[in-house]
Amino acid sequence: ARVSDPRVLAAVGVWFDGGSPHWKFARFQIDAAARILEGLTGRGARGTLVSAGTGSGKTLAFYLPALAWLAAERRAQPSARGVRVLALYPRNELLKDQLAEVFEQSRKFDGDLGKVGTALSIGVLYGDTPHTLKTAEKHWRKTRGECPFFRCPQPRCGGGMRPAGAAGPESQARLICANCGHVVETRQLRFTRAAMREDPPDILFTSVEMMNRQLADSEYRHLFGLGPGAERVPALMLLDEVHLYTGTSGAQTAHLLRRWSHLSRRQ
């Protein structure tokens, strides 16, 4: 009831249409989604803390409103560029787990956004992200050339994904499942640094350490909304497992976020 933007409400409807008719939401998920969407559509700076038990759906409480708002924005401006949602993770394993879920949820909007020639895109920037497609297999030698942070999204498959398209530009790179042959294109998943540098994704998955490293890097700082190459500043930031940011690590993370806020002029 607190969200009145018809574009966003339509995107929420698309999300529900792509899910199970028996899906039930907890009260905290509904309240969190409404609060986050209210802040985004009202263009007001606010923070939302979601606290609930393990496996109760805290992450969905963030990504439902984030993806719905993002889909509405992409439909209104299909050619717009720049990271809109910044997702920070304290552990790489957590990043990989959430990546699979968010990629699957993002595909619910493919049919609707395909009408305007666009799709929701996700980028992954951390230690296992190769610089280019040509260096991907060598970079992933520990996993025998398979992508270490993403597996086949097809139901009941989960096979390893291998890079393809090295003869062409980064924009035509793709991952192909070695098991079932399913293809994931770069327009959906930016899995090299060069692809993200050339065309920033809508959602950027990264770690606090990587963000700290890249804020001063002229090649990648535009992904965080900084420098002359940035076409926009991320409007939404996720800090997952925020209770882990304690002691020295917590103080350093707080300082990093204050630096970003000062440089980007966004709260």
C-alpha atoms as a PDB file:
ATOM      1  CA  ALA A   1       0.000   0.000   0.000  1.00  0.00           C
ATOM      2  CA  ARG A   2       2.969   2.338   0.561  1.00  0.00           C
ATOM      3  CA  VAL A   3       4.275   1.912  -3.014  1.00  0.00           C
ATOM      4  CA  SER A   4       2.263   3.775  -5.635  1.00  0.00           C
ATOM      5  CA  ASP A   5       4.606   3.928  -8.643  1.00  0.00           C
ATOM      6  CA  PRO A   6       2.718   1.968 -11.351  1.00  0.00           C
ATOM      7  CA  ARG A   7       5.964   1.016 -13.161  1.00  0.00           C
ATOM      8  CA  VAL A   8       7.370  -0.648 -10.053  1.00  0.00           C
ATOM      9  CA  LEU A   9       4.086  -2.326  -9.170  1.00  0.00           C
ATOM     10  CA  ALA A  10       3.922  -3.754 -12.707  1.00  0.00           C
ATOM     11  CA  ALA A  11       7.472  -5.117 -12.299  1.00  0.00           C
ATOM     12  CA  VAL A  12       6.501  -6.719  -8.983  1.00  0.00           C
ATOM     13  CA  GLY A  13       3.618  -8.369 -10.848  1.00  0.00           C
ATOM     14  CA  VAL A  14       6.032  -9.751 -13.455  1.00  0.00           C
ATOM     15  CA  TRP A  15       8.170 -11.200 -10.660  1.00  0.00           C
ATOM     16  CA  PHE A  16       5.152 -12.928  -9.087  1.00  0.00           C
ATOM     17  CA  ASP A  17       3.985 -14.255 -12.459  1.00  0.00           C
ATOM     18  CA  GLY A  18       7.346 -15.994 -12.869  1.00  0.00           C
ATOM     19  CA  GLY A  19       7.188 -17.690  -9.480  1.00  0.00           C
ATOM     20  CA  SER A  20       5.199 -20.388  -7.769  1.00  0.00           C
ATOM     21  CA  PRO A  21       1.481 -19.642  -7.155  1.00  0.00           C
ATOM     22  CA  HIS A  22       1.918 -21.207  -3.703  1.00  0.00           C
ATOM     23  CA  TRP A  23       4.707 -18.827  -2.659  1.00  0.00           C
ATOM     24  CA  LYS A  24       4.127 -17.434   0.820  1.00  0.00           C
ATOM     25  CA  PHE A  25       5.914 -14.434   2.301  1.00  0.00           C
ATOM     26  CA  ALA A  26       6.806 -13.712   5.893  1.00  0.00           C
ATOM     27  CA  ARG A  27       5.646 -10.422   7.368  1.00  0.00           C
ATOM     28  CA  PHE A  28       9.229  -9.132   7.622  1.00  0.00           C
ATOM     29  CA  GLN A  29       9.794  -9.767   3.892  1.00  0.00           C
ATOM     30  CA  ILE A  30       6.696  -7.757   2.949  1.00  0.00           C
ATOM     31  CA  ASP A  31       7.607  -4.912   5.322  1.00  0.00           C
ATOM     32  CA  ALA A  32      11.230  -4.803   4.156  1.00  0.00           C
ATOM     33  CA  ALA A  33      10.275  -4.876   0.462  1.00  0.00           C
ATOM     34  CA  ALA A  34       7.739  -2.086   0.934  1.00  0.00           C
ATOM     35  CA  ARG A  35      10.206   0.060   2.884  1.00  0.00           C
ATOM     36  CA  ILE A  36      13.005  -0.408   0.338  1.00  0.00           C
ATOM     37  CA  LEU A  37      10.715   0.338  -2.627  1.00  0.00           C
ATOM     38  CA  GLU A  38       9.279   3.348  -0.843  1.00  0.00           C
ATOM     39  CA  GLY A  39      12.775   4.718  -0.367  1.00  0.00           C
ATOM     40  CA  LEU A  40      13.763   4.075  -3.999  1.00  0.00           C
ATOM     41  CA  THR A  41      10.633   5.509  -5.599  1.00  0.00           C
ATOM     42  CA  GLY A  42      10.576   8.439  -3.179  1.00  0.00           C
ATOM     43  CA  ARG A  43      14.260   9.172  -3.922  1.00  0.00           C
ATOM     44  CA  GLY A  44      15.010   9.428  -0.219  1.00  0.00           C
ATOM     45  CA  ALA A  45      18.183   8.144   1.472  1.00  0.00           C
ATOM     46  CA  ARG A  46      17.392   5.521   4.101  1.00  0.00           C
ATOM     47  CA  GLY A  47      18.801   2.355   5.574  1.00  0.00           C
ATOM     48  CA  THR A  48      16.918  -0.870   6.290  1.00  0.00           C
ATOM     49  CA  LEU A  49      18.183  -3.566   8.635  1.00  0.00           C
ATOM     50  CA  VAL A  50      16.632  -7.004   8.165  1.00  0.00           C
ATOM     51  CA  SER A  51      17.192  -9.466  11.009  1.00  0.00           C
ATOM     52  CA  ALA A  52      15.750 -12.987  10.982  1.00  0.00           C
ATOM     53  CA  GLY A  53      16.759 -16.599  11.447  1.00  0.00           C
ATOM     54  CA  THR A  54      19.042 -18.570   9.135  1.00  0.00           C
ATOM     55  CA  GLY A  55      17.275 -19.691   5.967  1.00  0.00           C
ATOM     56  CA  SER A  56      14.191 -17.564   6.637  1.00  0.00           C
ATOM     57  CA  GLY A  57      14.533 -15.446   3.474  1.00  0.00           C
ATOM     58  CA  LYS A  58      16.431 -12.299   4.474  1.00  0.00           C
ATOM     59  CA  THR A  59      18.159 -12.075   1.099  1.00  0.00           C
ATOM     60  CA  LEU A  60      14.851 -12.308  -0.780  1.00  0.00           C
ATOM     61  CA  ALA A  61      13.582  -9.415   1.333  1.00  0.00           C
ATOM     62  CA  PHE A  62      16.247  -7.313  -0.403  1.00  0.00           C
ATOM     63  CA  TYR A  63      16.345  -8.753  -3.912  1.00  0.00           C
ATOM     64  CA  LEU A  64      12.583  -8.789  -4.546  1.00  0.00           C
ATOM     65  CA  PRO A  65      12.293  -4.980  -4.293  1.00  0.00           C
ATOM     66  CA  ALA A  66      15.756  -4.438  -5.806  1.00  0.00           C
ATOM     67  CA  LEU A  67      15.043  -6.492  -8.936  1.00  0.00           C
ATOM     68  CA  ALA A  68      11.515  -5.127  -9.359  1.00  0.00           C
ATOM     69  CA  TRP A  69      12.752  -1.525  -9.156  1.00  0.00           C
ATOM     70  CA  LEU A  70      15.686  -2.336 -11.425  1.00  0.00           C
ATOM     71  CA  ALA A  71      13.397  -3.926 -14.034  1.00  0.00           C
ATOM     72  CA  ALA A  72      11.174  -0.837 -14.005  1.00  0.00           C
ATOM     73  CA  GLU A  73      14.223   1.392 -14.495  1.00  0.00           C
ATOM     74  CA  ARG A  74      15.569  -0.760 -17.338  1.00  0.00           C
ATOM     75  CA  ARG A  75      12.208  -0.741 -19.091  1.00  0.00           C
ATOM     76  CA  ALA A  76      12.020   3.047 -18.883  1.00  0.00           C
ATOM     77  CA  GLN A  77      15.669   3.525 -19.975  1.00  0.00           C
ATOM     78  CA  PRO A  78      16.729   0.390 -21.888  1.00  0.00           C
ATOM     79  CA  SER A  79      19.983   1.926 -23.172  1.00  0.00           C
ATOM     80  CA  ALA A  80      21.117   3.452 -19.864  1.00  0.00           C
ATOM     81  CA  ARG A  81      24.485   2.317 -18.513  1.00  0.00           C
ATOM     82  CA  GLY A  82      26.034   2.045 -15.080  1.00  0.00           C
ATOM     83  CA  VAL A  83      25.814  -0.050 -11.906  1.00  0.00           C
ATOM     84  CA  ARG A  84      22.554   0.603 -10.053  1.00  0.00           C
ATOM     85  CA  VAL A  85      22.795  -2.035  -7.298  1.00  0.00           C
ATOM     86  CA  LEU A  86      26.019  -2.707  -5.389  1.00  0.00           C
ATOM     87  CA  ALA A  87      26.063  -6.000  -3.450  1.00  0.00           C
ATOM     88  CA  LEU A  88      28.916  -6.349  -0.942  1.00  0.00           C
ATOM     89  CA  TYR A  89      29.806  -9.696   0.608  1.00  0.00           C
ATOM     90  CA  PRO A  90      32.223 -10.482   3.448  1.00  0.00           C
ATOM     91  CA  ARG A  91      32.927 -14.024   2.182  1.00  0.00           C
ATOM     92  CA  ASN A  92      33.434 -15.332  -1.333  1.00  0.00           C
ATOM     93  CA  GLU A  93      31.427 -18.517  -0.725  1.00  0.00           C
ATOM     94  CA  LEU A  94      28.437 -16.428   0.294  1.00  0.00           C
ATOM     95  CA  LEU A  95      28.848 -14.331  -2.844  1.00  0.00           C
ATOM     96  CA  LYS A  96      28.754 -17.424  -5.053  1.00  0.00           C
ATOM     97  CA  ASP A  97      25.687 -18.850  -3.327  1.00  0.00           C
ATOM     98  CA  GLN A  98      23.727 -15.625  -3.708  1.00  0.00           C
ATOM     99  CA  LEU A  99      24.868 -15.131  -7.312  1.00  0.00           C
ATOM    100  CA  ALA A 100      23.104 -18.309  -8.443  1.00  0.00           C
ATOM    101  CA  GLU A 101      19.859 -17.302  -6.721  1.00  0.00           C
ATOM    102  CA  VAL A 102      19.850 -13.717  -7.989  1.00  0.00           C
ATOM    103  CA  PHE A 103      20.714 -14.800 -11.538  1.00  0.00           C
ATOM    104  CA  GLU A 104      17.723 -17.156 -11.514  1.00  0.00           C
ATOM    105  CA  GLN A 105      15.381 -14.473 -10.144  1.00  0.00           C
ATOM    106  CA  SER A 106      16.635 -11.943 -12.712  1.00  0.00           C
ATOM    107  CA  ARG A 107      15.631 -14.210 -15.567  1.00  0.00           C
ATOM    108  CA  LYS A 108      11.974 -13.794 -14.594  1.00  0.00           C
ATOM    109  CA  PHE A 109      12.098 -10.380 -16.261  1.00  0.00           C
ATOM    110  CA  ASP A 110      13.665 -11.536 -19.540  1.00  0.00           C
ATOM    111  CA  GLY A 111      10.366 -11.875 -21.374  1.00  0.00           C
ATOM    112  CA  ASP A 112       9.107  -8.443 -20.360  1.00  0.00           C
ATOM    113  CA  LEU A 113      12.420  -6.596 -20.840  1.00  0.00           C
ATOM    114  CA  GLY A 114      13.070  -8.418 -24.106  1.00  0.00           C
ATOM    115  CA  LYS A 115      10.242  -6.343 -25.592  1.00  0.00           C
ATOM    116  CA  VAL A 116      12.452  -3.246 -25.275  1.00  0.00           C
ATOM    117  CA  GLY A 117      15.650  -5.087 -26.201  1.00  0.00           C
ATOM    118  CA  THR A 118      17.320  -5.322 -22.802  1.00  0.00           C
ATOM    119  CA  ALA A 119      17.818  -7.654 -19.818  1.00  0.00           C
ATOM    120  CA  LEU A 120      18.951  -7.452 -16.214  1.00  0.00           C
ATOM    121  CA  SER A 121      22.699  -8.005 -16.013  1.00  0.00           C
ATOM    122  CA  ILE A 122      24.941  -9.125 -13.160  1.00  0.00           C
ATOM    123  CA  GLY A 123      28.683  -8.655 -12.842  1.00  0.00           C
ATOM    124  CA  VAL A 124      31.092 -10.512 -10.540  1.00  0.00           C
ATOM    125  CA  LEU A 125      34.255  -8.746  -9.397  1.00  0.00           C
ATOM    126  CA  TYR A 126      36.589 -10.533  -6.984  1.00  0.00           C
ATOM    127  CA  GLY A 127      39.789 -12.553  -7.047  1.00  0.00           C
ATOM    128  CA  ASP A 128      38.515 -15.320  -9.358  1.00  0.00           C
ATOM    129  CA  THR A 129      37.253 -12.873 -12.005  1.00  0.00           C
ATOM    130  CA  PRO A 130      39.607 -13.050 -15.044  1.00  0.00           C
ATOM    131  CA  HIS A 131      40.752  -9.897 -16.818  1.00  0.00           C
ATOM    132  CA  THR A 132      39.664 -10.987 -20.286  1.00  0.00           C
ATOM    133  CA  LEU A 133      37.968 -13.895 -22.018  1.00  0.00           C
ATOM    134  CA  LYS A 134      41.275 -14.985 -23.553  1.00  0.00           C
ATOM    135  CA  THR A 135      42.862 -15.345 -20.109  1.00  0.00           C
ATOM    136  CA  ALA A 136      39.840 -16.986 -18.467  1.00  0.00           C
ATOM    137  CA  GLU A 137      40.821 -20.651 -18.843  1.00  0.00           C
ATOM    138  CA  LYS A 138      44.364 -19.968 -17.621  1.00  0.00           C
ATOM    139  CA  HIS A 139      43.010 -17.910 -14.707  1.00  0.00           C
ATOM    140  CA  TRP A 140      40.693 -20.799 -13.818  1.00  0.00           C
ATOM    141  CA  ARG A 141      43.339 -23.535 -14.065  1.00  0.00           C
ATOM    142  CA  LYS A 142      42.568 -24.679 -10.486  1.00  0.00           C
ATOM    143  CA  THR A 143      39.089 -25.647 -11.687  1.00  0.00           C
ATOM    144  CA  ARG A 144      40.414 -27.037 -15.007  1.00  0.00           C
ATOM    145  CA  GLY A 145      39.092 -24.137 -17.051  1.00  0.00           C
ATOM    146  CA  GLU A 146      35.588 -24.097 -15.571  1.00  0.00           C
ATOM    147  CA  CYS A 147      34.099 -20.954 -14.034  1.00  0.00           C
ATOM    148  CA  PRO A 148      34.658 -21.266 -10.254  1.00  0.00           C
ATOM    149  CA  PHE A 149      31.812 -18.964  -9.207  1.00  0.00           C
ATOM    150  CA  PHE A 150      28.935 -19.971 -11.492  1.00  0.00           C
ATOM    151  CA  ARG A 151      27.463 -23.314 -12.520  1.00  0.00           C
ATOM    152  CA  CYS A 152      24.791 -24.214 -15.044  1.00  0.00           C
ATOM    153  CA  PRO A 153      21.486 -22.593 -13.976  1.00  0.00           C
ATOM    154  CA  GLN A 154      19.350 -25.219 -15.730  1.00  0.00           C
ATOM    155  CA  PRO A 155      17.175 -27.280 -13.354  1.00  0.00           C
ATOM    156  CA  ARG A 156      18.700 -30.630 -12.375  1.00  0.00           C
ATOM    157  CA  CYS A 157      21.950 -29.875 -14.206  1.00  0.00           C
ATOM    158  CA  GLY A 158      24.442 -27.735 -12.296  1.00  0.00           C
ATOM    159  CA  GLY A 159      27.229 -28.645 -14.716  1.00  0.00           C
ATOM    160  CA  GLY A 160      30.488 -26.734 -15.051  1.00  0.00           C
ATOM    161  CA  MET A 161      30.484 -23.678 -17.310  1.00  0.00           C
ATOM    162  CA  ARG A 162      33.337 -23.065 -19.770  1.00  0.00           C
ATOM    163  CA  PRO A 163      34.168 -19.803 -21.559  1.00  0.00           C
ATOM    164  CA  ALA A 164      33.606 -19.482 -25.304  1.00  0.00           C
ATOM    165  CA  GLY A 165      33.845 -16.819 -27.994  1.00  0.00           C
ATOM    166  CA  ALA A 166      37.485 -15.856 -27.445  1.00  0.00           C
ATOM    167  CA  ALA A 167      37.859 -14.948 -31.127  1.00  0.00           C
ATOM    168  CA  GLY A 168      35.344 -12.102 -30.802  1.00  0.00           C
ATOM    169  CA  PRO A 169      34.933  -9.023 -28.566  1.00  0.00           C
ATOM    170  CA  GLU A 170      34.250  -9.255 -24.839  1.00  0.00           C
ATOM    171  CA  SER A 171      30.612  -8.292 -25.441  1.00  0.00           C
ATOM    172  CA  GLN A 172      30.095 -11.581 -27.299  1.00  0.00           C
ATOM    173  CA  ALA A 173      31.682 -13.777 -24.640  1.00  0.00           C
ATOM    174  CA  ARG A 174      29.582 -16.554 -23.189  1.00  0.00           C
ATOM    175  CA  LEU A 175      29.674 -19.496 -20.816  1.00  0.00           C
ATOM    176  CA  ILE A 176      28.615 -22.917 -22.079  1.00  0.00           C
ATOM    177  CA  CYS A 177      27.660 -25.841 -19.876  1.00  0.00           C
ATOM    178  CA  ALA A 178      29.949 -28.806 -20.488  1.00  0.00           C
ATOM    179  CA  ASN A 179      27.123 -31.111 -19.443  1.00  0.00           C
ATOM    180  CA  CYS A 180      23.931 -29.930 -21.211  1.00  0.00           C
ATOM    181  CA  GLY A 181      25.204 -27.216 -23.573  1.00  0.00           C
ATOM    182  CA  HIS A 182      23.170 -24.379 -21.995  1.00  0.00           C
ATOM    183  CA  VAL A 183      24.525 -20.930 -22.906  1.00  0.00           C
ATOM    184  CA  VAL A 184      24.776 -17.890 -20.615  1.00  0.00           C
ATOM    185  CA  GLU A 185      25.584 -14.705 -22.503  1.00  0.00           C
ATOM    186  CA  THR A 186      27.659 -11.745 -21.321  1.00  0.00           C
ATOM    187  CA  ARG A 187      24.614  -9.506 -21.573  1.00  0.00           C
ATOM    188  CA  GLN A 188      23.193 -11.521 -18.670  1.00  0.00           C
ATOM    189  CA  LEU A 189      26.400 -12.256 -16.735  1.00  0.00           C
ATOM    190  CA  ARG A 190      29.602 -10.206 -16.963  1.00  0.00           C
ATOM    191  CA  PHE A 191      32.238 -12.734 -15.914  1.00  0.00           C
ATOM    192  CA  THR A 192      35.391 -10.869 -17.038  1.00  0.00           C
ATOM    193  CA  ARG A 193      36.760  -7.551 -15.819  1.00  0.00           C
ATOM    194  CA  ALA A 194      37.087  -6.241 -19.368  1.00  0.00           C
ATOM    195  CA  ALA A 195      33.379  -6.870 -20.043  1.00  0.00           C
ATOM    196  CA  MET A 196      32.398  -4.964 -16.897  1.00  0.00           C
ATOM    197  CA  ARG A 197      34.809  -2.155 -17.645  1.00  0.00           C
ATOM    198  CA  GLU A 198      33.379  -1.720 -21.142  1.00  0.00           C
ATOM    199  CA  ASP A 199      29.723  -2.129 -20.180  1.00  0.00           C
ATOM    200  CA  PRO A 200      28.958  -1.983 -16.426  1.00  0.00           C
ATOM    201  CA  PRO A 201      26.299  -4.448 -15.219  1.00  0.00           C
ATOM    202  CA  ASP A 202      23.073  -3.452 -13.477  1.00  0.00           C
ATOM    203  CA  ILE A 203      24.068  -5.382 -10.341  1.00  0.00           C
ATOM    204  CA  LEU A 204      27.678  -5.701  -9.192  1.00  0.00           C
ATOM    205  CA  PHE A 205      28.616  -8.574  -6.875  1.00  0.00           C
ATOM    206  CA  THR A 206      31.895  -7.832  -5.127  1.00  0.00           C
ATOM    207  CA  SER A 207      33.681  -8.034  -1.794  1.00  0.00           C
ATOM    208  CA  VAL A 208      34.580  -5.302   0.655  1.00  0.00           C
ATOM    209  CA  GLU A 209      38.277  -5.939  -0.011  1.00  0.00           C
ATOM    210  CA  MET A 210      37.819  -5.609  -3.768  1.00  0.00           C
ATOM    211  CA  MET A 211      35.810  -2.407  -3.396  1.00  0.00           C
ATOM    212  CA  ASN A 212      38.559  -0.917  -1.221  1.00  0.00           C
ATOM    213  CA  ARG A 213      41.133  -1.862  -3.867  1.00  0.00           C
ATOM    214  CA  GLN A 214      39.214  -0.510  -6.854  1.00  0.00           C
ATOM    215  CA  LEU A 215      38.055   2.873  -5.520  1.00  0.00           C
ATOM    216  CA  ALA A 216      41.400   4.365  -6.510  1.00  0.00           C
ATOM    217  CA  ASP A 217      41.788   2.379  -9.748  1.00  0.00           C
ATOM    218  CA  SER A 218      41.081   4.605 -12.754  1.00  0.00           C
ATOM    219  CA  GLU A 219      40.052   1.573 -14.848  1.00  0.00           C
ATOM    220  CA  TYR A 220      37.362   0.283 -12.507  1.00  0.00           C
ATOM    221  CA  ARG A 221      36.273   3.052 -10.139  1.00  0.00           C
ATOM    222  CA  HIS A 222      33.429   4.024 -12.501  1.00  0.00           C
ATOM    223  CA  LEU A 223      31.769   0.720 -11.521  1.00  0.00           C
ATOM    224  CA  PHE A 224      31.280   2.260  -8.083  1.00  0.00           C
ATOM    225  CA  GLY A 225      29.959   5.544  -9.461  1.00  0.00           C
ATOM    226  CA  LEU A 226      33.262   7.429  -9.187  1.00  0.00           C
ATOM    227  CA  GLY A 227      35.361   9.359 -11.701  1.00  0.00           C
ATOM    228  CA  PRO A 228      34.637  10.841 -15.131  1.00  0.00           C
ATOM    229  CA  GLY A 229      33.751   7.427 -16.602  1.00  0.00           C
ATOM    230  CA  ALA A 230      30.779   6.937 -14.252  1.00  0.00           C
ATOM    231  CA  GLU A 231      27.402   7.559 -15.853  1.00  0.00           C
ATOM    232  CA  ARG A 232      25.571   7.062 -12.565  1.00  0.00           C
ATOM    233  CA  VAL A 233      26.080   6.287  -8.881  1.00  0.00           C
ATOM    234  CA  PRO A 234      24.608   3.037  -7.482  1.00  0.00           C
ATOM    235  CA  ALA A 235      21.231   3.798  -5.920  1.00  0.00           C
ATOM    236  CA  LEU A 236      21.091   0.731  -3.710  1.00  0.00           C
ATOM    237  CA  MET A 237      23.719  -1.059  -1.647  1.00  0.00           C
ATOM    238  CA  LEU A 238      23.461  -4.440   0.067  1.00  0.00           C
ATOM    239  CA  LEU A 239      25.663  -5.373   3.024  1.00  0.00           C
ATOM    240  CA  ASP A 240      24.990  -9.072   3.530  1.00  0.00           C
ATOM    241  CA  GLU A 241      25.808 -10.791   6.852  1.00  0.00           C
ATOM    242  CA  VAL A 242      26.394  -7.389   8.395  1.00  0.00           C
ATOM    243  CA  HIS A 243      26.845  -8.910  11.852  1.00  0.00           C
ATOM    244  CA  LEU A 244      30.261 -10.187  10.710  1.00  0.00           C
ATOM    245  CA  TYR A 245      31.644  -6.648  10.459  1.00  0.00           C
ATOM    246  CA  THR A 246      33.011  -6.381  13.973  1.00  0.00           C
ATOM    247  CA  GLY A 247      36.280  -5.260  15.552  1.00  0.00           C
ATOM    248  CA  THR A 248      39.009  -3.923  13.285  1.00  0.00           C
ATOM    249  CA  SER A 249      37.330  -5.301  10.164  1.00  0.00           C
ATOM    250  CA  GLY A 250      34.092  -3.555  11.036  1.00  0.00           C
ATOM    251  CA  ALA A 251      35.871  -0.248  11.650  1.00  0.00           C
ATOM    252  CA  GLN A 252      37.679  -0.516   8.319  1.00  0.00           C
ATOM    253  CA  THR A 253      34.444  -1.316   6.488  1.00  0.00           C
ATOM    254  CA  ALA A 254      32.710   1.673   8.061  1.00  0.00           C
ATOM    255  CA  HIS A 255      35.609   3.893   6.984  1.00  0.00           C
ATOM    256  CA  LEU A 256      35.422   2.481   3.444  1.00  0.00           C
ATOM    257  CA  LEU A 257      31.706   3.275   3.200  1.00  0.00           C
ATOM    258  CA  ARG A 258      32.276   6.801   4.495  1.00  0.00           C
ATOM    259  CA  ARG A 259      34.970   7.298   1.843  1.00  0.00           C
ATOM    260  CA  TRP A 260      32.633   6.063  -0.886  1.00  0.00           C
ATOM    261  CA  SER A 261      29.783   8.238   0.388  1.00  0.00           C
ATOM    262  CA  HIS A 262      32.033  11.307   0.411  1.00  0.00           C
ATOM    263  CA  LEU A 263      33.465  10.668  -3.057  1.00  0.00           C
ATOM    264  CA  SER A 264      30.137   9.704  -4.669  1.00  0.00           C
ATOM    265  CA  ARG A 265      28.072  12.290  -2.750  1.00  0.00           C
ATOM    266  CA  ARG A 266      25.472   9.625  -2.074  1.00  0.00           C
ATOM    267  CA  GLN A 267      24.284   8.512   1.329  1.00  0.00           C
END
